[in-house]
Amino acid sequence: MRTKKKVTALKVGQELIELGLKVQRKEVSLDVVMNEIDQDFLGSVSKDIPEWEKDIKPYDRISALMEIQSINKSELARRLGISRQYVTDLLNGKKPITLKSAKKLAHALEVPVSGILGM
């Protein structure tokens, strides 16, 4: 008997981001993607966030995304239209990450806001 693997929201989110990037690069049309998304399947995805993931702070998430994308503080500052020092302060926890700043960071790093806040 084969057991069904639990599909996490994180995994589905990663796959949806990849599809979104393909749409953005015009490799596939949005209509095709929307027709292929199984709404029933999305509703069955586990909404549970693994315990280890709850402990990851937004500052660490931003640093990881910067590393993955080979973006330095100066480049992120340029994308955000702020000083490099302000980015440093954000990453060191000296400046708060508000919902507004999380949205801007998400846009600059091309991830959903949940990728910054971990929700």
N, C-alpha and C. Protein backbone atom coordinates (compact mmCIF):
# COMPACT_ATOMS: atom_id res chain seq x y z
N MET A 1 0.84 -1.17 0.00
CA MET A 1 0.00 0.00 0.00
C MET A 1 0.89 1.25 0.00
N ARG A 2 0.62 2.14 -0.90
CA ARG A 2 1.39 3.37 -1.02
C ARG A 2 0.74 4.47 -0.19
N THR A 3 1.55 5.14 0.61
CA THR A 3 1.00 6.24 1.39
C THR A 3 1.18 7.54 0.62
N LYS A 4 0.24 8.42 0.81
CA LYS A 4 0.27 9.71 0.13
C LYS A 4 1.23 10.64 0.87
N LYS A 5 2.13 11.28 0.14
CA LYS A 5 3.04 12.23 0.75
C LYS A 5 2.28 13.50 1.09
N LYS A 6 2.61 14.06 2.24
CA LYS A 6 2.00 15.32 2.65
C LYS A 6 2.63 16.45 1.84
N VAL A 7 1.81 17.24 1.21
CA VAL A 7 2.28 18.36 0.42
C VAL A 7 2.16 19.61 1.28
N THR A 8 3.25 20.31 1.43
CA THR A 8 3.24 21.50 2.27
C THR A 8 2.96 22.75 1.44
N ALA A 9 2.47 23.76 2.14
CA ALA A 9 2.21 25.04 1.49
C ALA A 9 3.50 25.63 0.94
N LEU A 10 4.61 25.40 1.65
CA LEU A 10 5.90 25.90 1.19
C LEU A 10 6.27 25.33 -0.17
N LYS A 11 6.11 24.02 -0.34
CA LYS A 11 6.44 23.37 -1.60
C LYS A 11 5.54 23.87 -2.73
N VAL A 12 4.25 23.97 -2.46
CA VAL A 12 3.32 24.47 -3.48
C VAL A 12 3.66 25.91 -3.82
N GLY A 13 4.00 26.70 -2.79
CA GLY A 13 4.37 28.10 -3.02
C GLY A 13 5.59 28.22 -3.92
N GLN A 14 6.59 27.37 -3.68
CA GLN A 14 7.79 27.39 -4.51
C GLN A 14 7.45 27.07 -5.96
N GLU A 15 6.59 26.09 -6.16
CA GLU A 15 6.21 25.72 -7.52
C GLU A 15 5.39 26.82 -8.19
N LEU A 16 4.53 27.48 -7.41
CA LEU A 16 3.75 28.59 -7.98
C LEU A 16 4.64 29.77 -8.34
N ILE A 17 5.66 30.02 -7.53
CA ILE A 17 6.61 31.09 -7.85
C ILE A 17 7.31 30.78 -9.17
N GLU A 18 7.73 29.53 -9.33
CA GLU A 18 8.40 29.14 -10.57
C GLU A 18 7.47 29.33 -11.77
N LEU A 19 6.20 28.96 -11.61
CA LEU A 19 5.24 29.17 -12.70
C LEU A 19 5.07 30.66 -12.98
N GLY A 20 5.01 31.46 -11.91
CA GLY A 20 4.87 32.90 -12.08
C GLY A 20 6.04 33.50 -12.84
N LEU A 21 7.24 33.01 -12.54
CA LEU A 21 8.42 33.50 -13.25
C LEU A 21 8.37 33.11 -14.73
N LYS A 22 7.85 31.91 -15.02
CA LYS A 22 7.72 31.49 -16.42
C LYS A 22 6.73 32.39 -17.15
N VAL A 23 5.65 32.78 -16.47
CA VAL A 23 4.67 33.68 -17.07
C VAL A 23 5.34 35.04 -17.31
N GLN A 24 6.08 35.50 -16.31
CA GLN A 24 6.77 36.80 -16.43
C GLN A 24 7.75 36.81 -17.59
N ARG A 25 8.45 35.68 -17.80
CA ARG A 25 9.42 35.58 -18.90
C ARG A 25 8.73 35.25 -20.23
N LYS A 26 7.39 35.13 -20.17
CA LYS A 26 6.58 34.83 -21.35
C LYS A 26 6.90 33.46 -21.95
N GLU A 27 7.29 32.51 -21.08
CA GLU A 27 7.54 31.14 -21.53
C GLU A 27 6.23 30.36 -21.59
N VAL A 28 5.23 30.84 -20.85
CA VAL A 28 3.91 30.20 -20.84
C VAL A 28 2.90 31.30 -20.54
N SER A 29 1.69 31.16 -21.05
CA SER A 29 0.68 32.20 -20.83
C SER A 29 -0.01 31.99 -19.47
N LEU A 30 -0.49 33.07 -18.92
CA LEU A 30 -1.18 33.02 -17.64
C LEU A 30 -2.42 32.14 -17.73
N ASP A 31 -3.13 32.19 -18.85
CA ASP A 31 -4.32 31.37 -19.03
C ASP A 31 -4.00 29.88 -18.90
N VAL A 32 -2.89 29.46 -19.49
CA VAL A 32 -2.49 28.05 -19.42
C VAL A 32 -2.24 27.66 -17.98
N VAL A 33 -1.52 28.50 -17.26
CA VAL A 33 -1.20 28.21 -15.85
C VAL A 33 -2.48 28.13 -15.03
N MET A 34 -3.37 29.09 -15.20
CA MET A 34 -4.60 29.12 -14.41
C MET A 34 -5.47 27.90 -14.69
N ASN A 35 -5.48 27.45 -15.94
CA ASN A 35 -6.27 26.27 -16.29
C ASN A 35 -5.69 24.99 -15.70
N GLU A 36 -4.37 24.98 -15.48
CA GLU A 36 -3.73 23.78 -14.96
C GLU A 36 -3.75 23.69 -13.44
N ILE A 37 -4.04 24.79 -12.76
CA ILE A 37 -4.05 24.77 -11.29
C ILE A 37 -5.33 24.08 -10.82
N ASP A 38 -5.15 23.05 -10.05
CA ASP A 38 -6.26 22.28 -9.51
C ASP A 38 -6.69 22.92 -8.19
N GLN A 39 -7.81 23.64 -8.21
CA GLN A 39 -8.27 24.35 -7.02
C GLN A 39 -8.55 23.40 -5.85
N ASP A 40 -9.06 22.21 -6.14
CA ASP A 40 -9.32 21.23 -5.08
C ASP A 40 -8.03 20.80 -4.42
N PHE A 41 -6.99 20.60 -5.24
CA PHE A 41 -5.69 20.21 -4.69
C PHE A 41 -5.14 21.31 -3.79
N LEU A 42 -5.22 22.56 -4.24
CA LEU A 42 -4.70 23.66 -3.43
C LEU A 42 -5.41 23.74 -2.09
N GLY A 43 -6.69 23.44 -2.09
CA GLY A 43 -7.45 23.45 -0.84
C GLY A 43 -7.04 22.35 0.12
N SER A 44 -6.43 21.30 -0.41
CA SER A 44 -6.03 20.17 0.44
C SER A 44 -4.61 20.28 0.97
N VAL A 45 -3.90 21.31 0.56
CA VAL A 45 -2.51 21.48 0.98
C VAL A 45 -2.46 21.79 2.47
N SER A 46 -1.52 21.18 3.14
CA SER A 46 -1.35 21.41 4.57
C SER A 46 -0.99 22.87 4.82
N LYS A 47 -1.73 23.49 5.71
CA LYS A 47 -1.47 24.89 6.05
C LYS A 47 -0.50 25.00 7.22
N ASP A 48 -0.09 23.85 7.74
CA ASP A 48 0.81 23.84 8.87
C ASP A 48 2.21 24.28 8.47
N ILE A 49 2.75 25.20 9.23
CA ILE A 49 4.12 25.63 9.01
C ILE A 49 5.00 24.78 9.91
N PRO A 50 6.02 24.13 9.35
CA PRO A 50 6.89 23.30 10.19
C PRO A 50 7.49 24.13 11.33
N GLU A 51 7.66 23.50 12.48
CA GLU A 51 8.19 24.19 13.65
C GLU A 51 9.50 24.91 13.37
N TRP A 52 10.41 24.24 12.66
CA TRP A 52 11.71 24.85 12.41
C TRP A 52 11.60 26.12 11.59
N GLU A 53 10.58 26.17 10.73
CA GLU A 53 10.43 27.34 9.86
C GLU A 53 9.86 28.54 10.62
N LYS A 54 9.12 28.28 11.69
CA LYS A 54 8.54 29.37 12.48
C LYS A 54 9.62 30.20 13.17
N ASP A 55 10.77 29.58 13.42
CA ASP A 55 11.85 30.26 14.14
C ASP A 55 12.71 31.14 13.24
N ILE A 56 12.52 31.09 11.94
CA ILE A 56 13.35 31.88 11.03
C ILE A 56 12.85 33.32 11.02
N LYS A 57 13.72 34.23 11.38
CA LYS A 57 13.37 35.65 11.44
C LYS A 57 13.40 36.26 10.05
N PRO A 58 12.58 37.31 9.83
CA PRO A 58 12.57 37.97 8.51
C PRO A 58 13.96 38.40 8.06
N TYR A 59 14.79 38.86 8.99
CA TYR A 59 16.14 39.30 8.63
C TYR A 59 16.94 38.15 8.02
N ASP A 60 16.77 36.96 8.61
CA ASP A 60 17.47 35.79 8.09
C ASP A 60 16.92 35.35 6.74
N ARG A 61 15.61 35.49 6.58
CA ARG A 61 14.99 35.13 5.30
C ARG A 61 15.52 36.05 4.19
N ILE A 62 15.61 37.35 4.50
CA ILE A 62 16.09 38.32 3.50
C ILE A 62 17.54 38.00 3.14
N SER A 63 18.36 37.75 4.15
CA SER A 63 19.77 37.41 3.90
C SER A 63 19.90 36.17 3.04
N ALA A 64 19.08 35.16 3.33
CA ALA A 64 19.12 33.92 2.54
C ALA A 64 18.70 34.17 1.10
N LEU A 65 17.65 34.96 0.92
CA LEU A 65 17.19 35.27 -0.44
C LEU A 65 18.25 36.06 -1.20
N MET A 66 18.91 36.97 -0.51
CA MET A 66 19.98 37.74 -1.15
C MET A 66 21.11 36.81 -1.58
N GLU A 67 21.46 35.88 -0.71
CA GLU A 67 22.54 34.95 -1.04
C GLU A 67 22.16 34.06 -2.22
N ILE A 68 20.95 33.53 -2.20
CA ILE A 68 20.47 32.66 -3.28
C ILE A 68 20.52 33.40 -4.62
N GLN A 69 20.13 34.68 -4.60
CA GLN A 69 20.05 35.47 -5.82
C GLN A 69 21.34 36.23 -6.13
N SER A 70 22.37 36.02 -5.31
CA SER A 70 23.66 36.71 -5.48
C SER A 70 23.49 38.23 -5.51
N ILE A 71 22.71 38.72 -4.56
CA ILE A 71 22.45 40.16 -4.44
C ILE A 71 23.17 40.67 -3.20
N ASN A 72 23.95 41.74 -3.34
CA ASN A 72 24.61 42.31 -2.17
C ASN A 72 23.75 43.46 -1.61
N LYS A 73 24.19 44.00 -0.49
CA LYS A 73 23.42 45.06 0.17
C LYS A 73 23.26 46.29 -0.73
N SER A 74 24.30 46.61 -1.46
CA SER A 74 24.23 47.78 -2.35
C SER A 74 23.18 47.59 -3.44
N GLU A 75 23.12 46.39 -4.00
CA GLU A 75 22.14 46.11 -5.04
C GLU A 75 20.72 46.14 -4.48
N LEU A 76 20.53 45.55 -3.30
CA LEU A 76 19.20 45.58 -2.69
C LEU A 76 18.81 47.02 -2.38
N ALA A 77 19.75 47.81 -1.88
CA ALA A 77 19.47 49.22 -1.60
C ALA A 77 19.06 49.96 -2.88
N ARG A 78 19.76 49.67 -3.96
CA ARG A 78 19.43 50.30 -5.25
C ARG A 78 18.01 49.93 -5.66
N ARG A 79 17.67 48.65 -5.56
CA ARG A 79 16.32 48.18 -5.95
C ARG A 79 15.24 48.82 -5.08
N LEU A 80 15.56 49.06 -3.82
CA LEU A 80 14.59 49.63 -2.90
C LEU A 80 14.57 51.15 -2.91
N GLY A 81 15.60 51.74 -3.48
CA GLY A 81 15.69 53.19 -3.48
C GLY A 81 16.03 53.75 -2.11
N ILE A 82 16.83 53.01 -1.34
CA ILE A 82 17.23 53.44 0.00
C ILE A 82 18.75 53.31 0.11
N SER A 83 19.30 53.77 1.21
CA SER A 83 20.75 53.71 1.40
C SER A 83 21.19 52.29 1.78
N ARG A 84 22.45 52.02 1.49
CA ARG A 84 23.03 50.74 1.86
C ARG A 84 23.03 50.60 3.38
N GLN A 85 23.26 51.70 4.08
CA GLN A 85 23.26 51.67 5.55
C GLN A 85 21.90 51.27 6.10
N TYR A 86 20.83 51.74 5.45
CA TYR A 86 19.48 51.38 5.91
C TYR A 86 19.26 49.87 5.72
N VAL A 87 19.74 49.32 4.61
CA VAL A 87 19.63 47.86 4.40
C VAL A 87 20.40 47.13 5.49
N THR A 88 21.61 47.61 5.80
CA THR A 88 22.41 47.00 6.86
C THR A 88 21.65 47.04 8.18
N ASP A 89 21.04 48.18 8.48
CA ASP A 89 20.27 48.31 9.72
C ASP A 89 19.07 47.36 9.74
N LEU A 90 18.41 47.19 8.60
CA LEU A 90 17.30 46.23 8.51
C LEU A 90 17.78 44.81 8.81
N LEU A 91 18.88 44.44 8.17
CA LEU A 91 19.40 43.08 8.32
C LEU A 91 19.96 42.80 9.71
N ASN A 92 20.37 43.85 10.40
CA ASN A 92 20.90 43.70 11.75
C ASN A 92 19.82 43.88 12.82
N GLY A 93 18.59 44.10 12.39
CA GLY A 93 17.48 44.25 13.33
C GLY A 93 17.41 45.61 14.00
N LYS A 94 18.17 46.57 13.50
CA LYS A 94 18.15 47.92 14.07
C LYS A 94 16.96 48.73 13.56
N LYS A 95 16.43 48.35 12.41
CA LYS A 95 15.23 48.97 11.84
C LYS A 95 14.16 47.89 11.77
N PRO A 96 12.94 48.23 12.12
CA PRO A 96 11.88 47.22 12.08
C PRO A 96 11.46 46.91 10.64
N ILE A 97 11.05 45.68 10.44
CA ILE A 97 10.48 45.31 9.14
C ILE A 97 8.97 45.37 9.29
N THR A 98 8.40 46.43 8.75
CA THR A 98 6.96 46.64 8.79
C THR A 98 6.32 45.90 7.61
N LEU A 99 5.01 45.84 7.61
CA LEU A 99 4.31 45.22 6.48
C LEU A 99 4.64 45.97 5.20
N LYS A 100 4.69 47.30 5.28
CA LYS A 100 5.01 48.11 4.11
C LYS A 100 6.41 47.80 3.58
N SER A 101 7.39 47.74 4.49
CA SER A 101 8.75 47.44 4.05
C SER A 101 8.87 45.99 3.58
N ALA A 102 8.11 45.09 4.20
CA ALA A 102 8.13 43.68 3.76
C ALA A 102 7.61 43.56 2.33
N LYS A 103 6.59 44.33 2.00
CA LYS A 103 6.05 44.32 0.63
C LYS A 103 7.10 44.83 -0.36
N LYS A 104 7.80 45.90 0.01
CA LYS A 104 8.83 46.45 -0.87
C LYS A 104 9.98 45.46 -1.04
N LEU A 105 10.39 44.84 0.08
CA LEU A 105 11.46 43.85 0.03
C LEU A 105 11.05 42.66 -0.84
N ALA A 106 9.82 42.21 -0.67
CA ALA A 106 9.32 41.08 -1.46
C ALA A 106 9.36 41.41 -2.95
N HIS A 107 8.94 42.61 -3.28
CA HIS A 107 8.96 43.03 -4.69
C HIS A 107 10.40 43.06 -5.21
N ALA A 108 11.29 43.65 -4.42
CA ALA A 108 12.69 43.77 -4.83
C ALA A 108 13.37 42.41 -4.99
N LEU A 109 12.96 41.44 -4.16
CA LEU A 109 13.56 40.10 -4.21
C LEU A 109 12.72 39.11 -5.02
N GLU A 110 11.63 39.60 -5.60
CA GLU A 110 10.76 38.81 -6.46
C GLU A 110 10.23 37.55 -5.78
N VAL A 111 9.73 37.75 -4.55
CA VAL A 111 9.10 36.67 -3.78
C VAL A 111 7.81 37.20 -3.20
N PRO A 112 6.92 36.31 -2.78
CA PRO A 112 5.71 36.80 -2.10
C PRO A 112 6.08 37.36 -0.72
N VAL A 113 5.22 38.17 -0.16
CA VAL A 113 5.47 38.76 1.16
C VAL A 113 5.69 37.65 2.19
N SER A 114 5.01 36.54 2.03
CA SER A 114 5.19 35.42 2.95
C SER A 114 6.62 34.89 2.94
N GLY A 115 7.32 35.10 1.83
CA GLY A 115 8.72 34.69 1.76
C GLY A 115 9.61 35.54 2.65
N ILE A 116 9.13 36.73 2.98
CA ILE A 116 9.86 37.62 3.87
C ILE A 116 9.42 37.41 5.31
N LEU A 117 8.10 37.36 5.50
CA LEU A 117 7.56 37.28 6.86
C LEU A 117 7.39 35.85 7.37
N GLY A 118 7.36 34.89 6.46
CA GLY A 118 7.22 33.50 6.89
C GLY A 118 5.83 33.12 7.34
N MET A 119 4.83 33.66 6.68
CA MET A 119 3.45 33.36 7.05
C MET A 119 2.83 32.39 6.07
